Amino acid sequence: MKDGQIVQIAQVVEDIDKAMKHFWEDFGFGPWDIYEYGPETVRDSVYRGKPNTQHYALAVTWVGPIQYELMQPLDGYSIYNEFIEKHGYGLQHVKLYYKDCAKAVKEYEAKGYEVIQSGKIGDDEFYYLESADKLGAVLELGNAGEIPPPIRTYPSQEGN
């Protein structure tokens, strides 16, 4: 991967299972790896300068070289809820790869894009930037580090 390369496109959804089923049956996107995260599993999780206590579900699959992600807030409040309130469900963020996220964050902050949410899962680190009003979507910076295995897949891989 090259610094600045788009590696992920994500949308916020009301019902992650319904969305996965739709993408699988109508477009053949899948199989999906499903995760649930919260303060117990996300290290250094911060939302607008305070500890992020939200739990959320996410599902990912690869569509060519781009990872497609579905996000569903389960409880609490974060940038996902902010986005839904302001823009409704749909495309929420585009993730750019950076090997050195700390350096990239400083460069984007110098351009006026402040970090509004961040955290670490396994070896992965992520930084969401305040950019939706300028770009129509949130920019996420991340290093694409290894994360723990999913809690389940869709469609189920059992019996295959």
Protein backbone atom coordinates (compact mmCIF):
# COMPACT_ATOMS: atom_id res chain seq x y z
CA MET A 1 0.00 0.00 0.00
CA LYS A 2 1.08 3.57 -0.65
CA ASP A 3 0.58 6.49 1.72
CA GLY A 4 -2.62 8.35 0.87
CA GLN A 5 -4.17 5.39 -0.97
CA ILE A 6 -7.91 4.81 -0.46
CA VAL A 7 -8.24 1.47 1.30
CA GLN A 8 -11.79 1.58 2.63
CA ILE A 9 -15.22 3.06 1.97
CA ALA A 10 -17.77 2.87 4.79
CA GLN A 11 -21.39 3.62 5.42
CA VAL A 12 -23.48 3.85 8.55
CA VAL A 13 -26.53 1.60 8.56
CA GLU A 14 -29.56 1.12 10.76
CA ASP A 15 -29.44 -2.69 10.65
CA ILE A 16 -26.12 -4.35 9.83
CA ASP A 17 -27.63 -7.80 9.20
CA LYS A 18 -30.21 -6.41 6.78
CA ALA A 19 -27.51 -4.40 4.97
CA MET A 20 -25.15 -7.39 4.63
CA LYS A 21 -27.99 -9.53 3.29
CA HIS A 22 -28.87 -6.83 0.74
CA PHE A 23 -25.28 -6.43 -0.49
CA TRP A 24 -24.75 -10.21 -0.61
CA GLU A 25 -27.98 -11.10 -2.43
CA ASP A 26 -28.18 -8.13 -4.80
CA PHE A 27 -24.51 -7.46 -5.58
CA GLY A 28 -22.54 -10.53 -4.45
CA PHE A 29 -20.50 -8.45 -1.95
CA GLY A 30 -19.19 -10.80 0.72
CA PRO A 31 -18.59 -12.87 2.65
CA TRP A 32 -18.61 -10.36 5.52
CA ASP A 33 -16.50 -10.46 8.69
CA ILE A 34 -18.48 -9.05 11.64
CA TYR A 35 -17.00 -7.41 14.73
CA GLU A 36 -18.36 -5.64 17.80
CA TYR A 37 -16.26 -3.00 19.49
CA GLY A 38 -16.47 -0.82 22.56
CA PRO A 39 -14.34 0.56 25.36
CA GLU A 40 -13.36 -2.99 26.36
CA THR A 41 -11.80 -3.74 22.97
CA VAL A 42 -10.64 -0.37 21.58
CA ARG A 43 -7.53 1.03 23.23
CA ASP A 44 -7.05 4.78 23.61
CA SER A 45 -10.58 5.31 22.26
CA VAL A 46 -11.32 9.04 22.19
CA TYR A 47 -14.32 10.97 20.85
CA ARG A 48 -14.00 14.76 20.77
CA GLY A 49 -11.34 14.76 23.46
CA LYS A 50 -13.10 12.43 25.90
CA PRO A 51 -13.07 8.63 26.39
CA ASN A 52 -15.38 7.00 23.84
CA THR A 53 -17.77 4.60 25.58
CA GLN A 54 -19.84 3.67 22.52
CA HIS A 55 -20.43 0.07 21.44
CA TYR A 56 -20.85 -0.53 17.72
CA ALA A 57 -21.01 -3.35 15.22
CA LEU A 58 -19.13 -3.34 11.96
CA ALA A 59 -18.88 -5.67 9.01
CA VAL A 60 -16.22 -5.67 6.30
CA THR A 61 -15.67 -7.33 2.96
CA TRP A 62 -13.33 -6.75 0.05
CA VAL A 63 -14.61 -5.41 -3.26
CA GLY A 64 -11.51 -5.59 -5.43
CA PRO A 65 -8.70 -3.68 -3.70
CA ILE A 66 -11.10 -1.65 -1.52
CA GLN A 67 -12.54 -2.79 1.79
CA TYR A 68 -16.25 -2.00 2.14
CA GLU A 69 -17.41 -1.42 5.70
CA LEU A 70 -20.82 -1.21 7.33
CA MET A 71 -21.11 0.53 10.74
CA GLN A 72 -24.04 0.28 13.15
CA PRO A 73 -24.02 2.20 16.45
CA LEU A 74 -25.38 -0.05 19.23
CA ASP A 75 -25.35 2.33 22.21
CA GLY A 76 -23.64 5.50 23.35
CA TYR A 77 -22.77 8.38 21.05
CA SER A 78 -19.92 9.09 18.63
CA ILE A 79 -19.20 10.45 15.17
CA TYR A 80 -21.41 7.75 13.67
CA ASN A 81 -24.46 9.15 15.49
CA GLU A 82 -23.41 12.71 14.65
CA PHE A 83 -23.25 11.78 10.98
CA ILE A 84 -26.64 10.05 11.01
CA GLU A 85 -28.27 13.07 12.67
CA LYS A 86 -26.76 15.49 10.16
CA HIS A 87 -26.75 13.45 6.94
CA GLY A 88 -28.83 10.32 7.52
CA TYR A 89 -27.69 6.76 6.85
CA GLY A 90 -25.28 6.21 3.98
CA LEU A 91 -21.68 6.89 2.99
CA GLN A 92 -19.92 8.06 6.16
CA HIS A 93 -16.17 7.81 5.64
CA VAL A 94 -13.32 7.11 3.27
CA LYS A 95 -10.17 5.64 4.80
CA LEU A 96 -6.69 6.55 3.61
CA TYR A 97 -3.68 4.36 4.39
CA TYR A 98 -0.63 5.83 6.11
CA LYS A 99 2.29 3.80 7.43
CA ASP A 100 3.08 6.59 9.92
CA CYS A 101 -0.31 7.78 11.15
CA ALA A 102 1.13 10.23 13.70
CA LYS A 103 2.99 12.07 10.93
CA ALA A 104 -0.07 12.05 8.65
CA VAL A 105 -2.32 13.36 11.45
CA LYS A 106 0.05 16.32 12.00
CA GLU A 107 0.06 17.10 8.28
CA TYR A 108 -3.75 17.03 8.08
CA GLU A 109 -4.13 19.08 11.26
CA ALA A 110 -1.87 21.73 9.68
CA LYS A 111 -4.41 21.86 6.82
CA GLY A 112 -7.29 22.39 9.27
CA TYR A 113 -8.56 18.81 9.64
CA GLU A 114 -8.75 18.08 13.37
CA VAL A 115 -9.03 14.57 14.80
CA ILE A 116 -12.54 14.02 16.17
CA GLN A 117 -12.33 10.32 17.03
CA SER A 118 -9.47 7.84 17.29
CA GLY A 119 -8.44 4.53 18.75
CA LYS A 120 -6.47 1.31 18.39
CA ILE A 121 -7.69 -2.23 17.77
CA GLY A 122 -4.98 -4.88 17.78
CA ASP A 123 -2.15 -3.41 15.66
CA ASP A 124 -4.57 -1.13 13.81
CA GLU A 125 -4.83 2.56 14.61
CA PHE A 126 -7.44 4.93 13.23
CA TYR A 127 -8.07 8.67 13.22
CA TYR A 128 -11.30 10.25 11.96
CA LEU A 129 -10.91 13.84 10.80
CA GLU A 130 -13.43 16.69 10.90
CA SER A 131 -14.10 16.85 7.16
CA ALA A 132 -17.75 16.01 6.42
CA ASP A 133 -18.81 19.65 5.96
CA LYS A 134 -15.93 20.25 3.52
CA LEU A 135 -15.98 16.93 1.66
CA GLY A 136 -19.39 15.34 2.25
CA ALA A 137 -17.79 12.44 4.11
CA VAL A 138 -15.43 11.94 7.02
CA LEU A 139 -11.80 11.15 6.23
CA GLU A 140 -10.23 8.37 8.24
CA LEU A 141 -6.49 7.81 8.43
CA GLY A 142 -5.25 4.35 9.35
CA ASN A 143 -2.30 2.00 9.18
CA ALA A 144 -4.25 -1.16 8.21
CA GLY A 145 -2.71 -3.07 11.12
CA GLU A 146 -3.73 -6.60 12.07
CA ILE A 147 -6.85 -6.95 14.22
CA PRO A 148 -8.32 -9.87 16.23
CA PRO A 149 -10.53 -12.37 14.35
CA PRO A 150 -14.21 -11.59 13.69
CA ILE A 151 -16.97 -12.79 16.02
CA ARG A 152 -18.92 -14.23 13.07
CA THR A 153 -19.26 -14.17 9.29
CA TYR A 154 -22.13 -13.67 6.87
CA PRO A 155 -23.19 -15.79 5.20
CA SER A 156 -22.29 -18.33 7.83
CA GLN A 157 -19.26 -20.41 6.84
CA GLU A 158 -20.36 -23.36 8.98
CA GLY A 159 -20.67 -26.66 7.19
CA ASN A 160 -18.60 -25.54 4.18
